[in-house]
Protein backbone atom coordinates (compact mmCIF):
# COMPACT_ATOMS: atom_id res chain seq x y z
CA MET A 1 -22.57 135.45 86.93
CA ASN A 2 -25.44 135.71 84.44
CA ILE A 3 -23.16 136.25 81.41
CA PRO A 4 -24.65 135.02 78.10
CA ALA A 5 -22.45 132.27 76.64
CA ASP A 6 -22.46 129.73 73.80
CA TYR A 7 -20.56 126.49 73.24
CA CYS A 8 -19.04 126.49 69.73
CA THR A 9 -17.53 123.73 67.64
CA GLY A 10 -15.70 123.81 64.35
CA TYR A 11 -12.22 123.87 62.87
CA LEU A 12 -9.21 125.85 64.02
CA ARG A 13 -6.83 126.74 61.20
CA GLU A 14 -3.07 127.16 61.61
CA ILE A 15 -3.10 130.78 60.34
CA GLU A 16 -0.29 132.87 61.87
CA VAL A 17 0.95 129.96 63.96
CA PRO A 18 4.72 129.51 63.62
CA PRO A 19 6.07 126.08 62.60
CA PRO A 20 6.02 123.43 63.75
CA HIS A 21 2.25 123.49 63.83
CA SER A 22 -0.29 120.74 63.47
CA ALA A 23 -2.74 120.44 60.65
CA MET A 24 -6.15 122.06 60.92
CA ASP A 25 -7.83 120.69 64.01
CA PHE A 26 -11.43 120.02 65.04
CA ALA A 27 -11.92 122.18 68.10
CA ALA A 28 -14.37 123.55 70.63
CA TRP A 29 -14.40 127.03 72.14
CA PHE A 30 -16.88 129.33 73.81
CA GLU A 31 -18.26 132.77 73.09
CA VAL A 32 -19.48 135.23 75.71
CA TYR A 33 -21.34 138.50 75.40
CA LEU A 34 -19.30 141.20 77.10
CA GLY A 35 -20.46 144.80 76.85
CA ASP A 36 -20.15 145.56 73.13
CA GLY A 37 -20.65 142.14 71.54
CA TRP A 38 -19.75 138.44 71.35
CA HIS A 39 -16.12 137.46 72.01
CA GLY A 40 -14.62 134.02 71.40
CA PHE A 41 -12.24 132.26 73.79
CA HIS A 42 -10.32 129.05 73.19
CA PRO A 43 -8.97 127.83 76.55
CA ARG A 44 -7.03 124.86 75.14
CA ASN A 45 -4.55 127.04 73.24
CA ASN A 46 -4.54 129.86 75.83
CA LYS A 47 -3.75 132.51 73.18
CA ALA A 48 -5.60 134.44 70.52
CA ARG A 49 -6.10 132.55 67.24
CA ILE A 50 -7.67 133.57 63.97
CA GLY A 51 -9.26 131.44 61.28
CA ARG A 52 -11.93 129.66 63.27
CA ILE A 53 -14.46 127.93 61.03
CA LEU A 54 -17.70 127.71 62.98
CA ILE A 55 -19.77 124.61 62.30
CA ALA A 56 -22.29 124.82 65.14
CA ARG A 57 -23.21 126.90 68.18
CA GLY A 58 -25.37 125.73 71.09
CA ARG A 59 -25.83 125.50 74.85
CA ASP A 60 -23.43 122.58 75.31
CA ALA A 61 -21.69 119.74 73.45
CA ALA A 62 -24.92 117.73 73.19
CA ASP A 63 -26.51 120.57 71.18
CA VAL A 64 -23.74 120.58 68.56
CA ALA A 65 -22.64 116.96 68.24
CA LEU A 66 -20.89 116.18 64.96
CA THR A 67 -22.85 112.93 64.79
CA THR A 68 -25.47 111.27 66.94
CA THR A 69 -26.19 107.58 66.48
CA PHE A 70 -28.37 105.13 68.33
CA ALA A 71 -27.03 101.96 66.74
CA PRO A 72 -23.66 100.68 65.55
CA SER A 73 -22.35 102.74 62.64
CA THR A 74 -19.18 103.11 60.58
CA LEU A 75 -17.85 106.39 59.25
CA GLU A 76 -16.85 105.66 55.67
CA SER A 77 -15.32 109.03 54.79
CA PHE A 78 -14.99 112.57 56.10
CA GLU A 79 -13.14 115.42 54.41
CA VAL A 80 -13.06 119.16 55.07
CA TRP A 81 -11.70 121.61 52.52
CA THR A 82 -11.22 125.30 53.27
CA ALA A 83 -9.79 128.20 51.38
């Protein structure tokens, strides 16, 4: 279809989501250029959400991997704080 698109990864906040909702979640979505600009779509939730925190944008998941290792490794700690 020749529509410009990007694979995006980051965090999806629970802003304007009625309880019960889950805590902030690591997520992936895509953005496409349609007419007047870039528009984000998140097919997993199938509804509009606000509060996306973009960490990386690329052609596919391999472009924006959270970590890439080539030997055994152990994640000691990982925290994300947002306001």
